[in-house]
Amino acid sequence: MRICTFALGPLETNCYLLHSDTEAVAIDPGGDPATVLSYLEKRSLKLTHILNTHFHFDHVLGNAALSEATGAPIMASKADAYLLRGEFGSGGSFGLPPVPPFEYQPLEEGRVTLLGQSCSMLHTPGHTLGSLSFYWPSSSALFAGDVLFYRSIGRTDLPGGDSDTLRSSIQEKLFLLPPSTVVYPGHGPSTTIEDERRSNPYFGLFTG
């Protein structure tokens, strides 16, 4: 499985495109997906799914355009539906661009097969109520959205955020993954579970 990163939208959200030789999955298209579509076309890849880690505007801004162009369904946690009713999900306020409306299929914690590999969908609330992290064990890859970053964690001061819940999500789910797991966050550089367990200042040396 190949992983490509596109910084999209006004907050340069990491949109990830995962693909085999013929099919692809997109995670969090946070802006104009033109570069993603160009990549798909040049390599004759079929986009099968669009996954959202959560429904903040900067992770869903390109949902509608990418889905309309490819026919790929959008999938996310229904526990984040509340965000689409306010400015942090729909945009259009504070100088933010409005998010074109889109339909989505609900996801829950569990396992699915994507790109011929098993993918674990982990419910990791704390940044939002429905935040999901997507883990491909055979590729040692975790897509954590805005839950865990390089030397940082997600904001908890927005609707649905809670600092204790976020810490629990990280400690009880993400930090229990294999240490070599590469963490691909919603913003900024990648890291590993081992590095964050040892060096993330929000946890110090985590030994749980």
C-alpha atoms as a PDB file:
ATOM      1  CA  MET A   1       0.000   0.000   0.000  1.00  0.00           C
ATOM      2  CA  ARG A   2       1.448   3.358  -1.050  1.00  0.00           C
ATOM      3  CA  ILE A   3       0.705   6.502   0.979  1.00  0.00           C
ATOM      4  CA  CYS A   4       0.751   9.973  -0.592  1.00  0.00           C
ATOM      5  CA  THR A   5       0.153  13.246   1.252  1.00  0.00           C
ATOM      6  CA  PHE A   6      -1.546  16.367  -0.141  1.00  0.00           C
ATOM      7  CA  ALA A   7      -1.747  19.553   1.949  1.00  0.00           C
ATOM      8  CA  LEU A   8      -5.185  20.937   1.079  1.00  0.00           C
ATOM      9  CA  GLY A   9      -7.325  23.901   2.046  1.00  0.00           C
ATOM     10  CA  PRO A  10      -6.773  27.074   4.073  1.00  0.00           C
ATOM     11  CA  LEU A  11      -5.290  25.174   7.047  1.00  0.00           C
ATOM     12  CA  GLU A  12      -3.134  22.885   4.886  1.00  0.00           C
ATOM     13  CA  THR A  13      -4.827  19.773   6.180  1.00  0.00           C
ATOM     14  CA  ASN A  14      -3.073  16.526   5.367  1.00  0.00           C
ATOM     15  CA  CYS A  15      -5.210  14.657   2.864  1.00  0.00           C
ATOM     16  CA  TYR A  16      -3.895  11.130   2.485  1.00  0.00           C
ATOM     17  CA  LEU A  17      -4.286   8.999  -0.596  1.00  0.00           C
ATOM     18  CA  LEU A  18      -3.636   5.313  -0.026  1.00  0.00           C
ATOM     19  CA  HIS A  19      -3.469   3.082  -3.038  1.00  0.00           C
ATOM     20  CA  SER A  20      -2.622  -0.246  -4.589  1.00  0.00           C
ATOM     21  CA  ASP A  21      -1.885  -0.665  -8.288  1.00  0.00           C
ATOM     22  CA  THR A  22      -5.534  -0.169  -9.228  1.00  0.00           C
ATOM     23  CA  GLU A  23      -7.568   1.245  -6.327  1.00  0.00           C
ATOM     24  CA  ALA A  24      -7.283   4.097  -3.847  1.00  0.00           C
ATOM     25  CA  VAL A  25      -8.814   5.414  -0.637  1.00  0.00           C
ATOM     26  CA  ALA A  26      -8.752   9.102   0.373  1.00  0.00           C
ATOM     27  CA  ILE A  27      -8.706  10.347   3.957  1.00  0.00           C
ATOM     28  CA  ASP A  28      -9.790  13.889   4.899  1.00  0.00           C
ATOM     29  CA  PRO A  29      -9.919  15.918   1.661  1.00  0.00           C
ATOM     30  CA  GLY A  30      -9.766  19.320   3.342  1.00  0.00           C
ATOM     31  CA  GLY A  31      -9.785  21.519   0.259  1.00  0.00           C
ATOM     32  CA  ASP A  32      -9.863  21.627  -3.536  1.00  0.00           C
ATOM     33  CA  PRO A  33      -9.068  18.024  -4.561  1.00  0.00           C
ATOM     34  CA  ALA A  34      -7.651  18.934  -7.998  1.00  0.00           C
ATOM     35  CA  THR A  35      -4.180  17.572  -7.185  1.00  0.00           C
ATOM     36  CA  VAL A  36      -5.687  14.357  -5.834  1.00  0.00           C
ATOM     37  CA  LEU A  37      -7.810  13.912  -8.955  1.00  0.00           C
ATOM     38  CA  SER A  38      -4.795  14.539 -11.168  1.00  0.00           C
ATOM     39  CA  TYR A  39      -2.824  11.881  -9.297  1.00  0.00           C
ATOM     40  CA  LEU A  40      -5.662   9.377  -9.656  1.00  0.00           C
ATOM     41  CA  GLU A  41      -6.027  10.079 -13.371  1.00  0.00           C
ATOM     42  CA  LYS A  42      -2.321   9.822 -14.184  1.00  0.00           C
ATOM     43  CA  ARG A  43      -2.111   6.424 -12.510  1.00  0.00           C
ATOM     44  CA  SER A  44      -5.523   5.130 -13.665  1.00  0.00           C
ATOM     45  CA  LEU A  45      -6.606   4.563 -10.065  1.00  0.00           C
ATOM     46  CA  LYS A  46     -10.224   4.038  -9.011  1.00  0.00           C
ATOM     47  CA  LEU A  47     -11.131   5.851  -5.799  1.00  0.00           C
ATOM     48  CA  THR A  48     -13.316   3.441  -3.816  1.00  0.00           C
ATOM     49  CA  HIS A  49     -13.880   5.339  -0.536  1.00  0.00           C
ATOM     50  CA  ILE A  50     -13.493   8.748   1.090  1.00  0.00           C
ATOM     51  CA  LEU A  51     -12.924   8.473   4.845  1.00  0.00           C
ATOM     52  CA  ASN A  52     -13.279  11.330   7.322  1.00  0.00           C
ATOM     53  CA  THR A  53     -11.578  11.196  10.692  1.00  0.00           C
ATOM     54  CA  HIS A  54     -13.997  13.884  11.903  1.00  0.00           C
ATOM     55  CA  PHE A  55     -16.287  16.610  10.592  1.00  0.00           C
ATOM     56  CA  HIS A  56     -14.375  19.852  11.188  1.00  0.00           C
ATOM     57  CA  PHE A  57     -14.583  22.061   8.099  1.00  0.00           C
ATOM     58  CA  ASP A  58     -10.872  21.784   7.310  1.00  0.00           C
ATOM     59  CA  HIS A  59     -11.161  18.004   6.945  1.00  0.00           C
ATOM     60  CA  VAL A  60     -14.328  17.890   4.819  1.00  0.00           C
ATOM     61  CA  LEU A  61     -14.110  20.952   2.566  1.00  0.00           C
ATOM     62  CA  GLY A  62     -13.292  18.837  -0.493  1.00  0.00           C
ATOM     63  CA  ASN A  63     -15.658  15.962   0.266  1.00  0.00           C
ATOM     64  CA  ALA A  64     -18.410  16.901  -2.165  1.00  0.00           C
ATOM     65  CA  ALA A  65     -16.120  17.726  -5.093  1.00  0.00           C
ATOM     66  CA  LEU A  66     -14.046  14.556  -4.709  1.00  0.00           C
ATOM     67  CA  SER A  67     -17.106  12.347  -4.330  1.00  0.00           C
ATOM     68  CA  GLU A  68     -18.876  13.918  -7.305  1.00  0.00           C
ATOM     69  CA  ALA A  69     -15.804  13.532  -9.511  1.00  0.00           C
ATOM     70  CA  THR A  70     -15.143   9.894  -8.630  1.00  0.00           C
ATOM     71  CA  GLY A  71     -18.415   8.425  -7.385  1.00  0.00           C
ATOM     72  CA  ALA A  72     -16.677   7.286  -4.195  1.00  0.00           C
ATOM     73  CA  PRO A  73     -18.882   7.239  -1.075  1.00  0.00           C
ATOM     74  CA  ILE A  74     -18.011   9.410   1.910  1.00  0.00           C
ATOM     75  CA  MET A  75     -17.822   7.554   5.216  1.00  0.00           C
ATOM     76  CA  ALA A  76     -17.574   8.942   8.758  1.00  0.00           C
ATOM     77  CA  SER A  77     -18.922   8.619  12.285  1.00  0.00           C
ATOM     78  CA  LYS A  78     -22.531   9.719  12.714  1.00  0.00           C
ATOM     79  CA  ALA A  79     -21.562  10.886  16.209  1.00  0.00           C
ATOM     80  CA  ASP A  80     -20.002  13.933  14.505  1.00  0.00           C
ATOM     81  CA  ALA A  81     -23.215  14.953  12.716  1.00  0.00           C
ATOM     82  CA  TYR A  82     -23.697  17.771  15.249  1.00  0.00           C
ATOM     83  CA  LEU A  83     -20.687  19.571  13.770  1.00  0.00           C
ATOM     84  CA  LEU A  84     -22.308  19.938  10.356  1.00  0.00           C
ATOM     85  CA  ARG A  85     -25.012  22.086  11.939  1.00  0.00           C
ATOM     86  CA  GLY A  86     -22.525  24.678  13.220  1.00  0.00           C
ATOM     87  CA  GLU A  87     -19.762  26.905  11.908  1.00  0.00           C
ATOM     88  CA  PHE A  88     -16.940  24.518  12.813  1.00  0.00           C
ATOM     89  CA  GLY A  89     -18.304  21.870  10.474  1.00  0.00           C
ATOM     90  CA  SER A  90     -20.142  23.862   7.820  1.00  0.00           C
ATOM     91  CA  GLY A  91     -17.695  26.766   7.563  1.00  0.00           C
ATOM     92  CA  GLY A  92     -18.871  30.123   6.269  1.00  0.00           C
ATOM     93  CA  SER A  93     -18.069  32.027   9.480  1.00  0.00           C
ATOM     94  CA  PHE A  94     -14.926  33.719  10.828  1.00  0.00           C
ATOM     95  CA  GLY A  95     -13.741  34.173   7.255  1.00  0.00           C
ATOM     96  CA  LEU A  96     -13.886  30.428   6.580  1.00  0.00           C
ATOM     97  CA  PRO A  97     -15.120  29.128   3.227  1.00  0.00           C
ATOM     98  CA  PRO A  98     -18.520  27.371   3.311  1.00  0.00           C
ATOM     99  CA  VAL A  99     -18.475  23.583   3.056  1.00  0.00           C
ATOM    100  CA  PRO A 100     -20.553  22.257   0.123  1.00  0.00           C
ATOM    101  CA  PRO A 101     -23.189  19.841   1.466  1.00  0.00           C
ATOM    102  CA  PHE A 102     -22.517  16.140   1.105  1.00  0.00           C
ATOM    103  CA  GLU A 103     -24.109  12.805   1.952  1.00  0.00           C
ATOM    104  CA  TYR A 104     -22.191  10.217   3.940  1.00  0.00           C
ATOM    105  CA  GLN A 105     -22.448   6.641   5.130  1.00  0.00           C
ATOM    106  CA  PRO A 106     -22.073   6.109   8.897  1.00  0.00           C
ATOM    107  CA  LEU A 107     -19.073   4.258  10.307  1.00  0.00           C
ATOM    108  CA  GLU A 108     -18.668   2.648  13.695  1.00  0.00           C
ATOM    109  CA  GLU A 109     -15.703   1.142  15.485  1.00  0.00           C
ATOM    110  CA  GLY A 110     -14.750  -2.193  13.968  1.00  0.00           C
ATOM    111  CA  ARG A 111     -12.905  -3.725  11.040  1.00  0.00           C
ATOM    112  CA  VAL A 112     -13.371  -3.425   7.297  1.00  0.00           C
ATOM    113  CA  THR A 113     -11.339  -4.543   4.288  1.00  0.00           C
ATOM    114  CA  LEU A 114      -9.971  -1.690   2.194  1.00  0.00           C
ATOM    115  CA  LEU A 115      -7.388  -2.010  -0.569  1.00  0.00           C
ATOM    116  CA  GLY A 116      -7.299  -5.732   0.125  1.00  0.00           C
ATOM    117  CA  GLN A 117      -6.111  -5.192   3.705  1.00  0.00           C
ATOM    118  CA  SER A 118      -7.826  -5.230   7.077  1.00  0.00           C
ATOM    119  CA  CYS A 119      -8.438  -1.738   8.455  1.00  0.00           C
ATOM    120  CA  SER A 120      -9.383  -1.144  12.099  1.00  0.00           C
ATOM    121  CA  MET A 121     -11.606   1.841  12.721  1.00  0.00           C
ATOM    122  CA  LEU A 122     -10.883   3.081  16.239  1.00  0.00           C
ATOM    123  CA  HIS A 123     -13.294   5.411  18.015  1.00  0.00           C
ATOM    124  CA  THR A 124     -10.979   8.010  19.548  1.00  0.00           C
ATOM    125  CA  PRO A 125     -13.165  10.840  20.923  1.00  0.00           C
ATOM    126  CA  GLY A 126     -11.886  13.897  22.728  1.00  0.00           C
ATOM    127  CA  HIS A 127     -11.192  16.264  19.841  1.00  0.00           C
ATOM    128  CA  THR A 128     -14.756  15.683  18.653  1.00  0.00           C
ATOM    129  CA  LEU A 129     -17.423  13.258  19.842  1.00  0.00           C
ATOM    130  CA  GLY A 130     -17.081  10.969  16.855  1.00  0.00           C
ATOM    131  CA  SER A 131     -13.375  11.164  15.991  1.00  0.00           C
ATOM    132  CA  LEU A 132     -12.139   8.027  14.252  1.00  0.00           C
ATOM    133  CA  SER A 133      -8.584   6.825  13.724  1.00  0.00           C
ATOM    134  CA  PHE A 134      -7.901   4.397  10.881  1.00  0.00           C
ATOM    135  CA  TYR A 135      -5.280   1.698  11.440  1.00  0.00           C
ATOM    136  CA  TRP A 136      -3.860  -0.636   8.798  1.00  0.00           C
ATOM    137  CA  PRO A 137      -1.843  -3.210  10.810  1.00  0.00           C
ATOM    138  CA  SER A 138      -0.260  -4.909   7.801  1.00  0.00           C
ATOM    139  CA  SER A 139       1.157  -1.546   6.695  1.00  0.00           C
ATOM    140  CA  SER A 140       1.935  -0.310  10.244  1.00  0.00           C
ATOM    141  CA  ALA A 141       0.042   2.894   9.437  1.00  0.00           C
ATOM    142  CA  LEU A 142      -2.316   4.914  11.648  1.00  0.00           C
ATOM    143  CA  PHE A 143      -4.284   7.905  10.370  1.00  0.00           C
ATOM    144  CA  ALA A 144      -5.131   9.828  13.535  1.00  0.00           C
ATOM    145  CA  GLY A 145      -6.836  12.976  12.283  1.00  0.00           C
ATOM    146  CA  ASP A 146      -6.534  15.700  14.923  1.00  0.00           C
ATOM    147  CA  VAL A 147      -6.227  13.332  17.895  1.00  0.00           C
ATOM    148  CA  LEU A 148      -2.459  12.820  18.035  1.00  0.00           C
ATOM    149  CA  PHE A 149       0.281  14.923  16.419  1.00  0.00           C
ATOM    150  CA  TYR A 150       4.062  15.029  16.412  1.00  0.00           C
ATOM    151  CA  ARG A 151       4.793  16.109  20.003  1.00  0.00           C
ATOM    152  CA  SER A 152       1.260  17.362  20.529  1.00  0.00           C
ATOM    153  CA  ILE A 153      -2.408  16.405  20.825  1.00  0.00           C
ATOM    154  CA  GLY A 154      -5.656  17.778  19.417  1.00  0.00           C
ATOM    155  CA  ARG A 155      -7.575  20.810  20.611  1.00  0.00           C
ATOM    156  CA  THR A 156     -10.282  20.206  23.176  1.00  0.00           C
ATOM    157  CA  ASP A 157     -11.801  23.709  23.388  1.00  0.00           C
ATOM    158  CA  LEU A 158     -14.201  23.275  20.450  1.00  0.00           C
ATOM    159  CA  PRO A 159     -17.724  21.765  20.604  1.00  0.00           C
ATOM    160  CA  GLY A 160     -17.528  18.112  21.630  1.00  0.00           C
ATOM    161  CA  GLY A 161     -13.949  18.356  22.860  1.00  0.00           C
ATOM    162  CA  ASP A 162     -12.841  17.060  26.250  1.00  0.00           C
ATOM    163  CA  SER A 163      -9.239  16.844  27.461  1.00  0.00           C
ATOM    164  CA  ASP A 164      -9.678  13.834  29.764  1.00  0.00           C
ATOM    165  CA  THR A 165     -11.487  11.896  27.041  1.00  0.00           C
ATOM    166  CA  LEU A 166      -8.793  12.744  24.491  1.00  0.00           C
ATOM    167  CA  ARG A 167      -5.999  11.583  26.776  1.00  0.00           C
ATOM    168  CA  SER A 168      -7.864   8.353  27.465  1.00  0.00           C
ATOM    169  CA  SER A 169      -8.347   7.739  23.742  1.00  0.00           C
ATOM    170  CA  ILE A 170      -4.639   8.136  23.130  1.00  0.00           C
ATOM    171  CA  GLN A 171      -3.448   6.136  26.122  1.00  0.00           C
ATOM    172  CA  GLU A 172      -5.995   3.323  25.968  1.00  0.00           C
ATOM    173  CA  LYS A 173      -6.133   2.827  22.194  1.00  0.00           C
ATOM    174  CA  LEU A 174      -3.377   4.513  20.223  1.00  0.00           C
ATOM    175  CA  PHE A 175      -0.494   3.984  22.648  1.00  0.00           C
ATOM    176  CA  LEU A 176      -1.321   0.272  22.776  1.00  0.00           C
ATOM    177  CA  LEU A 177      -0.575  -0.153  19.070  1.00  0.00           C
ATOM    178  CA  PRO A 178       2.836  -1.577  18.072  1.00  0.00           C
ATOM    179  CA  PRO A 179       5.628   0.945  18.798  1.00  0.00           C
ATOM    180  CA  SER A 180       6.784   1.005  15.166  1.00  0.00           C
ATOM    181  CA  THR A 181       3.363   2.139  13.922  1.00  0.00           C
ATOM    182  CA  VAL A 182       3.712   5.299  11.834  1.00  0.00           C
ATOM    183  CA  VAL A 183       1.242   8.013  12.852  1.00  0.00           C
ATOM    184  CA  TYR A 184      -0.071  10.174  10.006  1.00  0.00           C
ATOM    185  CA  PRO A 185      -1.776  13.204  11.627  1.00  0.00           C
ATOM    186  CA  GLY A 186      -4.244  15.710  10.254  1.00  0.00           C
ATOM    187  CA  HIS A 187      -1.601  18.451  10.223  1.00  0.00           C
ATOM    188  CA  GLY A 188       2.165  18.517  10.299  1.00  0.00           C
ATOM    189  CA  PRO A 189       4.766  15.748  10.013  1.00  0.00           C
ATOM    190  CA  SER A 190       4.349  12.067  10.693  1.00  0.00           C
ATOM    191  CA  THR A 191       5.688  10.399  13.819  1.00  0.00           C
ATOM    192  CA  THR A 192       5.566   6.971  15.470  1.00  0.00           C
ATOM    193  CA  ILE A 193       3.730   5.526  18.429  1.00  0.00           C
ATOM    194  CA  GLU A 194       7.051   4.805  20.143  1.00  0.00           C
ATOM    195  CA  ASP A 195       8.283   8.385  19.726  1.00  0.00           C
ATOM    196  CA  GLU A 196       5.072   9.866  21.110  1.00  0.00           C
ATOM    197  CA  ARG A 197       4.933   7.463  24.037  1.00  0.00           C
ATOM    198  CA  ARG A 198       8.428   8.574  25.018  1.00  0.00           C
ATOM    199  CA  SER A 199       8.585  12.223  24.017  1.00  0.00           C
ATOM    200  CA  ASN A 200       5.110  13.737  23.736  1.00  0.00           C
ATOM    201  CA  PRO A 201       5.103  16.505  26.394  1.00  0.00           C
ATOM    202  CA  TYR A 202       1.437  15.916  27.161  1.00  0.00           C
ATOM    203  CA  PHE A 203       2.277  12.462  28.514  1.00  0.00           C
ATOM    204  CA  GLY A 204       5.985  12.305  29.292  1.00  0.00           C
ATOM    205  CA  LEU A 205       7.371   8.787  29.523  1.00  0.00           C
ATOM    206  CA  PHE A 206       4.279   6.656  29.110  1.00  0.00           C
ATOM    207  CA  THR A 207       4.653   3.141  30.500  1.00  0.00           C
ATOM    208  CA  GLY A 208       1.021   1.986  30.542  1.00  0.00           C
END
